[in-house]
Amino acid sequence: MLPEVVSTAPDGTKAVAYTEIIPVLIEAIKEQQKTIEKQQAENNEQQKRIEKLENMLDVSYIR
């Protein structure tokens, strides 16, 4: 995925520059947070719709 953070020593040993991965992880977390916030907003809207429908049903039962 990120071959630029892997280096190979003369003896063939592989090493990972973990500090180079941090910016990628931060961006991934930001994108994930946007998705979470969008889903929360959708859930809130759906909850409002459910409550409205439940209230409509309650009113119809009273009549």
N, C-alpha and C. Protein backbone atom coordinates (compact mmCIF):
# COMPACT_ATOMS: atom_id res chain seq x y z
N MET A 1 0.81 -1.19 0.00
CA MET A 1 0.00 0.00 0.00
C MET A 1 0.86 1.26 0.00
N LEU A 2 1.87 1.26 0.81
CA LEU A 2 2.75 2.42 0.90
C LEU A 2 4.20 1.97 0.74
N PRO A 3 4.57 1.56 -0.45
CA PRO A 3 5.93 1.03 -0.64
C PRO A 3 7.01 2.07 -0.35
N GLU A 4 6.66 3.35 -0.41
CA GLU A 4 7.67 4.39 -0.16
C GLU A 4 8.12 4.45 1.30
N VAL A 5 7.41 3.81 2.21
CA VAL A 5 7.81 3.83 3.62
C VAL A 5 8.64 2.61 3.99
N VAL A 6 8.85 1.70 3.03
CA VAL A 6 9.64 0.50 3.28
C VAL A 6 11.01 0.67 2.64
N SER A 7 12.03 0.38 3.42
CA SER A 7 13.39 0.43 2.88
C SER A 7 14.05 -0.93 3.09
N THR A 8 15.05 -1.19 2.27
CA THR A 8 15.77 -2.46 2.36
C THR A 8 17.23 -2.16 2.64
N ALA A 9 17.74 -2.76 3.70
CA ALA A 9 19.16 -2.61 4.06
C ALA A 9 20.00 -3.48 3.12
N PRO A 10 21.30 -3.20 3.05
CA PRO A 10 22.18 -4.00 2.18
C PRO A 10 22.12 -5.51 2.46
N ASP A 11 21.82 -5.87 3.71
CA ASP A 11 21.75 -7.31 4.02
C ASP A 11 20.38 -7.91 3.71
N GLY A 12 19.47 -7.10 3.12
CA GLY A 12 18.15 -7.59 2.74
C GLY A 12 17.08 -7.38 3.79
N THR A 13 17.47 -6.86 4.95
CA THR A 13 16.51 -6.61 6.02
C THR A 13 15.59 -5.47 5.62
N LYS A 14 14.31 -5.65 5.87
CA LYS A 14 13.31 -4.63 5.55
C LYS A 14 13.04 -3.78 6.81
N ALA A 15 12.77 -2.51 6.56
CA ALA A 15 12.42 -1.61 7.66
C ALA A 15 11.27 -0.72 7.21
N VAL A 16 10.47 -0.31 8.18
CA VAL A 16 9.33 0.56 7.90
C VAL A 16 9.53 1.89 8.61
N ALA A 17 9.34 2.98 7.88
CA ALA A 17 9.43 4.32 8.46
C ALA A 17 8.03 4.68 8.94
N TYR A 18 7.73 4.28 10.16
CA TYR A 18 6.38 4.45 10.70
C TYR A 18 5.96 5.92 10.78
N THR A 19 6.91 6.82 10.97
CA THR A 19 6.56 8.24 11.05
C THR A 19 6.00 8.75 9.72
N GLU A 20 6.34 8.09 8.63
CA GLU A 20 5.82 8.47 7.32
C GLU A 20 4.36 8.04 7.14
N ILE A 21 3.91 7.12 7.95
CA ILE A 21 2.54 6.62 7.86
C ILE A 21 1.56 7.53 8.60
N ILE A 22 2.06 8.28 9.57
CA ILE A 22 1.18 9.10 10.42
C ILE A 22 0.28 10.04 9.62
N PRO A 23 0.79 10.81 8.65
CA PRO A 23 -0.11 11.69 7.90
C PRO A 23 -1.21 10.94 7.15
N VAL A 24 -0.89 9.77 6.64
CA VAL A 24 -1.89 8.95 5.94
C VAL A 24 -2.97 8.51 6.92
N LEU A 25 -2.56 8.10 8.10
CA LEU A 25 -3.53 7.67 9.12
C LEU A 25 -4.41 8.83 9.56
N ILE A 26 -3.83 9.99 9.72
CA ILE A 26 -4.60 11.16 10.13
C ILE A 26 -5.67 11.49 9.10
N GLU A 27 -5.32 11.45 7.84
CA GLU A 27 -6.31 11.72 6.78
C GLU A 27 -7.40 10.66 6.77
N ALA A 28 -7.03 9.42 7.00
CA ALA A 28 -8.03 8.34 7.04
C ALA A 28 -8.99 8.56 8.20
N ILE A 29 -8.47 8.99 9.33
CA ILE A 29 -9.32 9.25 10.49
C ILE A 29 -10.25 10.42 10.21
N LYS A 30 -9.75 11.45 9.54
CA LYS A 30 -10.60 12.60 9.19
C LYS A 30 -11.75 12.16 8.28
N GLU A 31 -11.45 11.35 7.29
CA GLU A 31 -12.49 10.85 6.39
C GLU A 31 -13.50 10.00 7.15
N GLN A 32 -13.00 9.17 8.04
CA GLN A 32 -13.87 8.32 8.83
C GLN A 32 -14.79 9.18 9.72
N GLN A 33 -14.24 10.24 10.29
CA GLN A 33 -15.04 11.12 11.14
C GLN A 33 -16.15 11.80 10.34
N LYS A 34 -15.86 12.20 9.11
CA LYS A 34 -16.88 12.80 8.25
C LYS A 34 -18.02 11.81 8.00
N THR A 35 -17.64 10.56 7.75
CA THR A 35 -18.64 9.53 7.52
C THR A 35 -19.50 9.32 8.77
N ILE A 36 -18.87 9.29 9.92
CA ILE A 36 -19.60 9.11 11.18
C ILE A 36 -20.57 10.26 11.39
N GLU A 37 -20.11 11.48 11.16
CA GLU A 37 -20.97 12.65 11.36
C GLU A 37 -22.16 12.64 10.40
N LYS A 38 -21.91 12.23 9.15
CA LYS A 38 -22.99 12.14 8.18
C LYS A 38 -24.02 11.10 8.62
N GLN A 39 -23.54 9.96 9.08
CA GLN A 39 -24.45 8.91 9.53
C GLN A 39 -25.23 9.34 10.76
N GLN A 40 -24.59 10.07 11.66
CA GLN A 40 -25.29 10.56 12.84
C GLN A 40 -26.41 11.52 12.44
N ALA A 41 -26.12 12.40 11.49
CA ALA A 41 -27.15 13.34 11.02
C ALA A 41 -28.31 12.58 10.38
N GLU A 42 -28.00 11.57 9.58
CA GLU A 42 -29.05 10.76 8.95
C GLU A 42 -29.87 10.03 10.01
N ASN A 43 -29.20 9.49 11.00
CA ASN A 43 -29.91 8.79 12.09
C ASN A 43 -30.82 9.75 12.84
N ASN A 44 -30.34 10.95 13.12
CA ASN A 44 -31.16 11.94 13.82
C ASN A 44 -32.40 12.29 13.00
N GLU A 45 -32.22 12.46 11.70
CA GLU A 45 -33.35 12.79 10.83
C GLU A 45 -34.35 11.64 10.79
N GLN A 46 -33.86 10.43 10.70
CA GLN A 46 -34.74 9.27 10.69
C GLN A 46 -35.49 9.14 12.02
N GLN A 47 -34.81 9.44 13.12
CA GLN A 47 -35.46 9.37 14.42
C GLN A 47 -36.59 10.39 14.51
N LYS A 48 -36.38 11.57 13.97
CA LYS A 48 -37.43 12.59 13.95
C LYS A 48 -38.63 12.12 13.14
N ARG A 49 -38.35 11.50 11.99
CA ARG A 49 -39.43 10.99 11.15
C ARG A 49 -40.20 9.89 11.87
N ILE A 50 -39.50 9.02 12.55
CA ILE A 50 -40.15 7.93 13.30
C ILE A 50 -41.04 8.51 14.38
N GLU A 51 -40.52 9.48 15.13
CA GLU A 51 -41.32 10.09 16.19
C GLU A 51 -42.57 10.76 15.63
N LYS A 52 -42.41 11.41 14.48
CA LYS A 52 -43.57 12.07 13.85
C LYS A 52 -44.61 11.03 13.45
N LEU A 53 -44.17 9.94 12.86
CA LEU A 53 -45.09 8.88 12.46
C LEU A 53 -45.76 8.24 13.68
N GLU A 54 -44.99 8.04 14.74
CA GLU A 54 -45.56 7.47 15.96
C GLU A 54 -46.63 8.41 16.54
N ASN A 55 -46.36 9.70 16.51
CA ASN A 55 -47.34 10.67 17.00
C ASN A 55 -48.61 10.64 16.14
N MET A 56 -48.43 10.49 14.85
CA MET A 56 -49.60 10.40 13.96
C MET A 56 -50.42 9.16 14.29
N LEU A 57 -49.76 8.05 14.56
CA LEU A 57 -50.46 6.82 14.92
C LEU A 57 -51.18 6.98 16.26
N ASP A 58 -50.53 7.61 17.20
CA ASP A 58 -51.15 7.84 18.51
C ASP A 58 -52.41 8.66 18.38
N VAL A 59 -52.38 9.69 17.55
CA VAL A 59 -53.54 10.55 17.35
C VAL A 59 -54.68 9.77 16.70
N SER A 60 -54.34 8.91 15.75
CA SER A 60 -55.39 8.14 15.07
C SER A 60 -56.03 7.11 16.01
N TYR A 61 -55.30 6.59 16.97
CA TYR A 61 -55.87 5.65 17.93
C TYR A 61 -56.80 6.34 18.91
N ILE A 62 -56.52 7.60 19.21
CA ILE A 62 -57.35 8.34 20.15
C ILE A 62 -58.72 8.61 19.57
N ARG A 63 -58.79 8.83 18.28
CA ARG A 63 -60.07 9.15 17.62
C ARG A 63 -60.97 8.00 17.60
